[in-house]
Amino acid sequence: PASQNLEDPQLLYLLALAAKDSYTLQGDCNGQLGVVFTQFQNSLSQQNNINAVQLGIYEVLKGQHKGKRIMAFRGTDTSDSASALATITQDVSMALHSVSPLGHPIKKTIAVSCYSASEHKPDFITGHSLGGLLAECVCSDTGIGGASFNAPGPIGINKRHSLLPGDRYDGVKFEVHLTKEDPVSLYGGIGGAGVSHIGYPIWHVVENSKGPIDNHSIDNMLKMVTV
């Protein structure tokens, strides 16, 4: 089973805009999206709380998708370069679901994310980094299409080591976008990143990259998918 490509550059751009704004929830989306709901989260230690996941819901303001709503899950904030590498490492460790002490909290976060999607019923879902992993998991549970950006793969060695709560992603229009030499994108199960996601990855290269933070950045991903 595998998701299918969106084949819609404008929608992909809108999804990347939402994924980027999910870090601040300020609605800075180039006049393309309007924020209609925000849920802030201050600590990854809040997984038992329904507010454990930071997310935003955005309404498309113009174009062929006008009126559609996008739910975006926040991922790793790398704006503080001093702590960015440690935060990226945290994202990868959160996805080490075969290690029970680490797998337990991320599964709670996934359950909260799936609940939020079932409550708000967005037309599309998206996220960057850990937020992208959540989007893939929510897609598997709900069958809602969208895209993930530079996310660790939720599929492990076998079903026992998979984070996916369902199997409804087969044939759904959901794209997986990864960046070469990004430590989070390269994380996956024993078969590698290429077979660790709900869809076959579309790979990108950051020109003149200054290192891992550049390669992982949602800002650079947004530039690469801008139409």
C-alpha atoms as a PDB file:
ATOM      1  CA  PRO A   1       0.000   0.000   0.000  1.00  0.00           C
ATOM      2  CA  ALA A   2       1.132   3.554  -0.738  1.00  0.00           C
ATOM      3  CA  SER A   3      -0.283   7.036  -1.075  1.00  0.00           C
ATOM      4  CA  GLN A   4      -0.354   8.778  -4.437  1.00  0.00           C
ATOM      5  CA  ASN A   5       1.139  12.064  -5.627  1.00  0.00           C
ATOM      6  CA  LEU A   6      -0.981  15.197  -5.394  1.00  0.00           C
ATOM      7  CA  GLU A   7      -0.100  16.307  -8.923  1.00  0.00           C
ATOM      8  CA  ASP A   8      -1.150  19.782  -7.797  1.00  0.00           C
ATOM      9  CA  PRO A   9       1.754  22.278  -7.392  1.00  0.00           C
ATOM     10  CA  GLN A  10      -0.529  25.040  -6.074  1.00  0.00           C
ATOM     11  CA  LEU A  11      -1.948  22.831  -3.336  1.00  0.00           C
ATOM     12  CA  LEU A  12       1.554  21.647  -2.408  1.00  0.00           C
ATOM     13  CA  TYR A  13       2.636  25.275  -2.039  1.00  0.00           C
ATOM     14  CA  LEU A  14      -0.343  26.006   0.217  1.00  0.00           C
ATOM     15  CA  LEU A  15       0.448  22.964   2.362  1.00  0.00           C
ATOM     16  CA  ALA A  16       4.062  24.107   2.764  1.00  0.00           C
ATOM     17  CA  LEU A  17       2.874  27.607   3.727  1.00  0.00           C
ATOM     18  CA  ALA A  18       0.653  26.126   6.428  1.00  0.00           C
ATOM     19  CA  ALA A  19       3.421  23.827   7.684  1.00  0.00           C
ATOM     20  CA  LYS A  20       5.747  26.815   8.009  1.00  0.00           C
ATOM     21  CA  ASP A  21       3.198  28.994   9.806  1.00  0.00           C
ATOM     22  CA  SER A  22       2.339  26.232  12.294  1.00  0.00           C
ATOM     23  CA  TYR A  23       5.437  27.225  14.283  1.00  0.00           C
ATOM     24  CA  THR A  24       4.049  30.688  15.072  1.00  0.00           C
ATOM     25  CA  LEU A  25       0.323  30.421  14.177  1.00  0.00           C
ATOM     26  CA  GLN A  26       0.420  34.090  13.141  1.00  0.00           C
ATOM     27  CA  GLY A  27      -1.148  33.589   9.714  1.00  0.00           C
ATOM     28  CA  ASP A  28       1.866  34.878   7.778  1.00  0.00           C
ATOM     29  CA  CYS A  29       0.905  33.024   4.593  1.00  0.00           C
ATOM     30  CA  ASN A  30       1.448  35.549   1.774  1.00  0.00           C
ATOM     31  CA  GLY A  31      -2.253  36.335   1.630  1.00  0.00           C
ATOM     32  CA  GLN A  32      -3.032  32.779   0.526  1.00  0.00           C
ATOM     33  CA  LEU A  33      -4.359  31.357   3.812  1.00  0.00           C
ATOM     34  CA  GLY A  34      -6.347  32.651   6.743  1.00  0.00           C
ATOM     35  CA  VAL A  35      -6.052  31.198  10.253  1.00  0.00           C
ATOM     36  CA  VAL A  36      -9.394  29.941  11.548  1.00  0.00           C
ATOM     37  CA  PHE A  37      -8.230  27.914  14.570  1.00  0.00           C
ATOM     38  CA  THR A  38      -5.079  27.723  16.685  1.00  0.00           C
ATOM     39  CA  GLN A  39      -3.963  25.345  19.381  1.00  0.00           C
ATOM     40  CA  PHE A  40      -0.721  26.166  21.171  1.00  0.00           C
ATOM     41  CA  GLN A  41       1.497  23.681  22.945  1.00  0.00           C
ATOM     42  CA  ASN A  42       4.395  24.617  25.178  1.00  0.00           C
ATOM     43  CA  SER A  43       5.894  21.294  26.163  1.00  0.00           C
ATOM     44  CA  LEU A  44       6.314  17.826  24.700  1.00  0.00           C
ATOM     45  CA  SER A  45       5.700  16.560  28.231  1.00  0.00           C
ATOM     46  CA  GLN A  46       1.966  17.295  27.875  1.00  0.00           C
ATOM     47  CA  GLN A  47       1.055  14.228  25.813  1.00  0.00           C
ATOM     48  CA  ASN A  48      -1.788  13.236  28.151  1.00  0.00           C
ATOM     49  CA  ASN A  49      -3.472  16.566  27.457  1.00  0.00           C
ATOM     50  CA  ILE A  50      -5.688  17.123  24.417  1.00  0.00           C
ATOM     51  CA  ASN A  51      -3.747  20.355  23.893  1.00  0.00           C
ATOM     52  CA  ALA A  52      -0.459  18.460  23.666  1.00  0.00           C
ATOM     53  CA  VAL A  53      -0.136  19.058  19.924  1.00  0.00           C
ATOM     54  CA  GLN A  54       0.400  22.526  18.481  1.00  0.00           C
ATOM     55  CA  LEU A  55      -1.613  22.944  15.306  1.00  0.00           C
ATOM     56  CA  GLY A  56      -3.321  25.471  13.137  1.00  0.00           C
ATOM     57  CA  ILE A  57      -6.272  25.246  10.789  1.00  0.00           C
ATOM     58  CA  TYR A  58      -6.097  27.451   7.720  1.00  0.00           C
ATOM     59  CA  GLU A  59      -8.731  28.359   5.142  1.00  0.00           C
ATOM     60  CA  VAL A  60      -7.632  28.834   1.545  1.00  0.00           C
ATOM     61  CA  LEU A  61      -8.534  32.390   0.522  1.00  0.00           C
ATOM     62  CA  LYS A  62      -8.170  32.257  -3.254  1.00  0.00           C
ATOM     63  CA  GLY A  63      -7.683  29.992  -6.248  1.00  0.00           C
ATOM     64  CA  GLN A  64      -9.177  26.634  -7.115  1.00  0.00           C
ATOM     65  CA  HIS A  65      -9.031  25.426  -3.493  1.00  0.00           C
ATOM     66  CA  LYS A  66     -10.757  28.503  -2.055  1.00  0.00           C
ATOM     67  CA  GLY A  67     -12.752  27.614   1.045  1.00  0.00           C
ATOM     68  CA  LYS A  68     -10.889  24.361   1.709  1.00  0.00           C
ATOM     69  CA  ARG A  69      -9.252  23.921   5.112  1.00  0.00           C
ATOM     70  CA  ILE A  70      -5.767  22.700   5.972  1.00  0.00           C
ATOM     71  CA  MET A  71      -4.709  21.342   9.365  1.00  0.00           C
ATOM     72  CA  ALA A  72      -0.986  21.815  10.005  1.00  0.00           C
ATOM     73  CA  PHE A  73       0.931  20.148  12.842  1.00  0.00           C
ATOM     74  CA  ARG A  74       3.979  21.902  14.259  1.00  0.00           C
ATOM     75  CA  GLY A  75       7.329  20.153  14.087  1.00  0.00           C
ATOM     76  CA  THR A  76      10.845  21.040  15.199  1.00  0.00           C
ATOM     77  CA  ASP A  77      11.577  24.727  15.667  1.00  0.00           C
ATOM     78  CA  THR A  78      15.116  25.361  14.386  1.00  0.00           C
ATOM     79  CA  SER A  79      14.956  29.165  14.501  1.00  0.00           C
ATOM     80  CA  ASP A  80      17.349  29.115  17.467  1.00  0.00           C
ATOM     81  CA  SER A  81      20.524  27.829  15.838  1.00  0.00           C
ATOM     82  CA  ALA A  82      22.180  27.264  19.207  1.00  0.00           C
ATOM     83  CA  SER A  83      19.697  24.535  20.123  1.00  0.00           C
ATOM     84  CA  ALA A  84      18.585  23.467  16.649  1.00  0.00           C
ATOM     85  CA  LEU A  85      20.758  20.355  16.370  1.00  0.00           C
ATOM     86  CA  ALA A  86      19.636  19.133  19.769  1.00  0.00           C
ATOM     87  CA  THR A  87      16.014  19.711  18.776  1.00  0.00           C
ATOM     88  CA  ILE A  88      16.470  17.825  15.498  1.00  0.00           C
ATOM     89  CA  THR A  89      17.978  14.948  17.462  1.00  0.00           C
ATOM     90  CA  GLN A  90      14.903  15.015  19.711  1.00  0.00           C
ATOM     91  CA  ASP A  91      12.666  14.637  16.668  1.00  0.00           C
ATOM     92  CA  VAL A  92      14.539  11.570  15.490  1.00  0.00           C
ATOM     93  CA  SER A  93      14.540  10.058  18.976  1.00  0.00           C
ATOM     94  CA  MET A  94      10.797  10.618  19.297  1.00  0.00           C
ATOM     95  CA  ALA A  95      10.368   8.467  16.212  1.00  0.00           C
ATOM     96  CA  LEU A  96      12.458   5.588  17.589  1.00  0.00           C
ATOM     97  CA  HIS A  97       9.305   3.650  18.212  1.00  0.00           C
ATOM     98  CA  SER A  98      11.052   0.289  18.517  1.00  0.00           C
ATOM     99  CA  VAL A  99      12.617   1.572  21.763  1.00  0.00           C
ATOM    100  CA  SER A 100       9.733   1.422  24.229  1.00  0.00           C
ATOM    101  CA  PRO A 101      10.739   4.339  26.518  1.00  0.00           C
ATOM    102  CA  LEU A 102      10.786   6.618  23.465  1.00  0.00           C
ATOM    103  CA  GLY A 103       7.918   5.025  21.580  1.00  0.00           C
ATOM    104  CA  HIS A 104       5.390   5.524  24.367  1.00  0.00           C
ATOM    105  CA  PRO A 105       5.123   9.355  24.309  1.00  0.00           C
ATOM    106  CA  ILE A 106       5.021   9.708  20.524  1.00  0.00           C
ATOM    107  CA  LYS A 107       2.141   7.229  20.300  1.00  0.00           C
ATOM    108  CA  LYS A 108       0.129   9.385  22.701  1.00  0.00           C
ATOM    109  CA  THR A 109       0.893  12.428  20.562  1.00  0.00           C
ATOM    110  CA  ILE A 110      -0.281  10.580  17.461  1.00  0.00           C
ATOM    111  CA  ALA A 111      -3.537   9.611  19.178  1.00  0.00           C
ATOM    112  CA  VAL A 112      -4.174  13.249  20.130  1.00  0.00           C
ATOM    113  CA  SER A 113      -3.459  14.347  16.547  1.00  0.00           C
ATOM    114  CA  CYS A 114      -5.880  11.793  15.114  1.00  0.00           C
ATOM    115  CA  TYR A 115      -8.538  12.933  17.573  1.00  0.00           C
ATOM    116  CA  SER A 116      -8.038  16.573  16.535  1.00  0.00           C
ATOM    117  CA  ALA A 117      -8.440  15.666  12.866  1.00  0.00           C
ATOM    118  CA  SER A 118     -11.609  13.695  13.541  1.00  0.00           C
ATOM    119  CA  GLU A 119     -13.038  16.642  15.480  1.00  0.00           C
ATOM    120  CA  HIS A 120     -12.192  19.404  12.985  1.00  0.00           C
ATOM    121  CA  LYS A 121     -12.461  17.366   9.752  1.00  0.00           C
ATOM    122  CA  PRO A 122      -9.997  19.347   7.602  1.00  0.00           C
ATOM    123  CA  ASP A 123      -9.812  18.844   3.847  1.00  0.00           C
ATOM    124  CA  PHE A 124      -6.012  18.420   3.956  1.00  0.00           C
ATOM    125  CA  ILE A 125      -3.306  17.794   6.560  1.00  0.00           C
ATOM    126  CA  THR A 126       0.362  18.698   6.626  1.00  0.00           C
ATOM    127  CA  GLY A 127       3.416  19.185   8.814  1.00  0.00           C
ATOM    128  CA  HIS A 128       7.171  19.572   8.843  1.00  0.00           C
ATOM    129  CA  SER A 129       9.637  17.363  10.724  1.00  0.00           C
ATOM    130  CA  LEU A 130       7.845  15.702  13.668  1.00  0.00           C
ATOM    131  CA  GLY A 131       4.703  17.484  12.452  1.00  0.00           C
ATOM    132  CA  GLY A 132       5.099  15.687   9.129  1.00  0.00           C
ATOM    133  CA  LEU A 133       5.292  12.348  10.894  1.00  0.00           C
ATOM    134  CA  LEU A 134       2.057  13.222  12.707  1.00  0.00           C
ATOM    135  CA  ALA A 135       0.418  14.152   9.394  1.00  0.00           C
ATOM    136  CA  GLU A 136       1.377  10.796   7.872  1.00  0.00           C
ATOM    137  CA  CYS A 137      -0.003   8.966  10.887  1.00  0.00           C
ATOM    138  CA  VAL A 138      -3.237  10.953  10.779  1.00  0.00           C
ATOM    139  CA  CYS A 139      -3.574  10.166   7.071  1.00  0.00           C
ATOM    140  CA  SER A 140      -3.260   6.462   7.848  1.00  0.00           C
ATOM    141  CA  ASP A 141      -6.039   6.782  10.418  1.00  0.00           C
ATOM    142  CA  THR A 142      -8.431   9.075   8.527  1.00  0.00           C
ATOM    143  CA  GLY A 143      -7.625   8.850   4.823  1.00  0.00           C
ATOM    144  CA  ILE A 144      -7.231  12.653   4.624  1.00  0.00           C
ATOM    145  CA  GLY A 145      -4.776  13.764   1.927  1.00  0.00           C
ATOM    146  CA  GLY A 146      -1.979  16.302   2.179  1.00  0.00           C
ATOM    147  CA  ALA A 147       1.818  16.336   2.429  1.00  0.00           C
ATOM    148  CA  SER A 148       4.695  15.891   4.854  1.00  0.00           C
ATOM    149  CA  PHE A 149       8.004  17.752   4.711  1.00  0.00           C
ATOM    150  CA  ASN A 150      11.364  16.482   6.028  1.00  0.00           C
ATOM    151  CA  ALA A 151       9.737  14.038   8.410  1.00  0.00           C
ATOM    152  CA  PRO A 152      11.195  10.898  10.000  1.00  0.00           C
ATOM    153  CA  GLY A 153       9.558   7.766   8.637  1.00  0.00           C
ATOM    154  CA  PRO A 154       6.735   6.327  10.770  1.00  0.00           C
ATOM    155  CA  ILE A 155       7.092   2.802   9.342  1.00  0.00           C
ATOM    156  CA  GLY A 156       9.650   0.617  11.083  1.00  0.00           C
ATOM    157  CA  ILE A 157      11.056  -2.849  10.429  1.00  0.00           C
ATOM    158  CA  ASN A 158       7.607  -4.435  10.481  1.00  0.00           C
ATOM    159  CA  LYS A 159       4.029  -3.715  11.592  1.00  0.00           C
ATOM    160  CA  ARG A 160       4.990  -4.229  15.218  1.00  0.00           C
ATOM    161  CA  HIS A 161       7.448  -1.347  14.943  1.00  0.00           C
ATOM    162  CA  SER A 162       5.178   0.932  12.916  1.00  0.00           C
ATOM    163  CA  LEU A 163       3.689   4.095  14.368  1.00  0.00           C
ATOM    164  CA  LEU A 164       0.817   4.136  11.885  1.00  0.00           C
ATOM    165  CA  PRO A 165      -2.520   3.753  13.690  1.00  0.00           C
ATOM    166  CA  GLY A 166      -4.343   2.641  10.517  1.00  0.00           C
ATOM    167  CA  ASP A 167      -4.014   1.622   6.887  1.00  0.00           C
ATOM    168  CA  ARG A 168      -6.340   4.076   5.137  1.00  0.00           C
ATOM    169  CA  TYR A 169      -3.531   5.842   3.245  1.00  0.00           C
ATOM    170  CA  ASP A 170      -3.435   3.472   0.278  1.00  0.00           C
ATOM    171  CA  GLY A 171      -4.307   5.437  -2.854  1.00  0.00           C
ATOM    172  CA  VAL A 172      -4.843   8.704  -0.938  1.00  0.00           C
ATOM    173  CA  LYS A 173      -3.295  11.804  -2.501  1.00  0.00           C
ATOM    174  CA  PHE A 174      -0.575  12.514   0.047  1.00  0.00           C
ATOM    175  CA  GLU A 175       2.974  13.495  -0.922  1.00  0.00           C
ATOM    176  CA  VAL A 176       6.152  12.906   1.085  1.00  0.00           C
ATOM    177  CA  HIS A 177       8.885  15.494   0.478  1.00  0.00           C
ATOM    178  CA  LEU A 178      12.388  14.909   1.828  1.00  0.00           C
ATOM    179  CA  THR A 179      15.732  16.693   1.541  1.00  0.00           C
ATOM    180  CA  LYS A 180      18.969  14.871   0.856  1.00  0.00           C
ATOM    181  CA  GLU A 181      21.542  15.143   3.658  1.00  0.00           C
ATOM    182  CA  ASP A 182      18.853  16.143   6.148  1.00  0.00           C
ATOM    183  CA  PRO A 183      19.379  13.922   9.226  1.00  0.00           C
ATOM    184  CA  VAL A 184      15.642  13.729   9.924  1.00  0.00           C
ATOM    185  CA  SER A 185      14.683  12.915   6.328  1.00  0.00           C
ATOM    186  CA  LEU A 186      17.255  10.147   6.229  1.00  0.00           C
ATOM    187  CA  TYR A 187      15.832   8.447   9.314  1.00  0.00           C
ATOM    188  CA  GLY A 188      13.779   5.352   8.576  1.00  0.00           C
ATOM    189  CA  GLY A 189      13.399   1.648   9.201  1.00  0.00           C
ATOM    190  CA  ILE A 190      15.811  -1.073   8.174  1.00  0.00           C
ATOM    191  CA  GLY A 191      14.964  -0.514   4.504  1.00  0.00           C
ATOM    192  CA  GLY A 192      15.852   3.168   4.695  1.00  0.00           C
ATOM    193  CA  ALA A 193      13.852   6.355   4.285  1.00  0.00           C
ATOM    194  CA  GLY A 194      12.554   5.325   0.874  1.00  0.00           C
ATOM    195  CA  VAL A 195      10.274   2.651   2.325  1.00  0.00           C
ATOM    196  CA  SER A 196       9.587   4.173   5.746  1.00  0.00           C
ATOM    197  CA  HIS A 197       6.809   6.544   4.723  1.00  0.00           C
ATOM    198  CA  ILE A 198       3.207   6.147   3.597  1.00  0.00           C
ATOM    199  CA  GLY A 199       4.207   7.235   0.092  1.00  0.00           C
ATOM    200  CA  TYR A 200       7.297   7.120  -2.096  1.00  0.00           C
ATOM    201  CA  PRO A 201       9.442  10.171  -1.217  1.00  0.00           C
ATOM    202  CA  ILE A 202      10.077  13.082  -3.560  1.00  0.00           C
ATOM    203  CA  TRP A 203      13.660  14.174  -2.932  1.00  0.00           C
ATOM    204  CA  HIS A 204      15.059  17.725  -2.944  1.00  0.00           C
ATOM    205  CA  VAL A 205      18.539  19.248  -2.693  1.00  0.00           C
ATOM    206  CA  VAL A 206      19.269  22.549  -0.932  1.00  0.00           C
ATOM    207  CA  GLU A 207      21.665  24.558  -3.058  1.00  0.00           C
ATOM    208  CA  ASN A 208      24.604  26.137  -1.222  1.00  0.00           C
ATOM    209  CA  SER A 209      23.594  24.422   1.994  1.00  0.00           C
ATOM    210  CA  LYS A 210      25.454  25.418   5.143  1.00  0.00           C
ATOM    211  CA  GLY A 211      24.748  22.141   6.918  1.00  0.00           C
ATOM    212  CA  PRO A 212      22.076  20.023   8.621  1.00  0.00           C
ATOM    213  CA  ILE A 213      19.966  22.948   9.819  1.00  0.00           C
ATOM    214  CA  ASP A 214      19.720  24.358   6.297  1.00  0.00           C
ATOM    215  CA  ASN A 215      18.848  20.949   4.902  1.00  0.00           C
ATOM    216  CA  HIS A 216      16.099  20.427   7.486  1.00  0.00           C
ATOM    217  CA  SER A 217      14.623  23.925   7.309  1.00  0.00           C
ATOM    218  CA  ILE A 218      10.970  24.371   6.328  1.00  0.00           C
ATOM    219  CA  ASP A 219      11.969  27.768   4.871  1.00  0.00           C
ATOM    220  CA  ASN A 220      14.200  26.109   2.299  1.00  0.00           C
ATOM    221  CA  MET A 221      11.597  23.447   1.575  1.00  0.00           C
ATOM    222  CA  LEU A 222       9.020  26.174   0.960  1.00  0.00           C
ATOM    223  CA  LYS A 223      11.357  27.837  -1.528  1.00  0.00           C
ATOM    224  CA  MET A 224      11.835  24.547  -3.354  1.00  0.00           C
ATOM    225  CA  VAL A 225       8.093  23.914  -3.791  1.00  0.00           C
ATOM    226  CA  THR A 226       7.000  27.491  -4.481  1.00  0.00           C
ATOM    227  CA  VAL A 227       5.136  27.782  -7.788  1.00  0.00           C
END
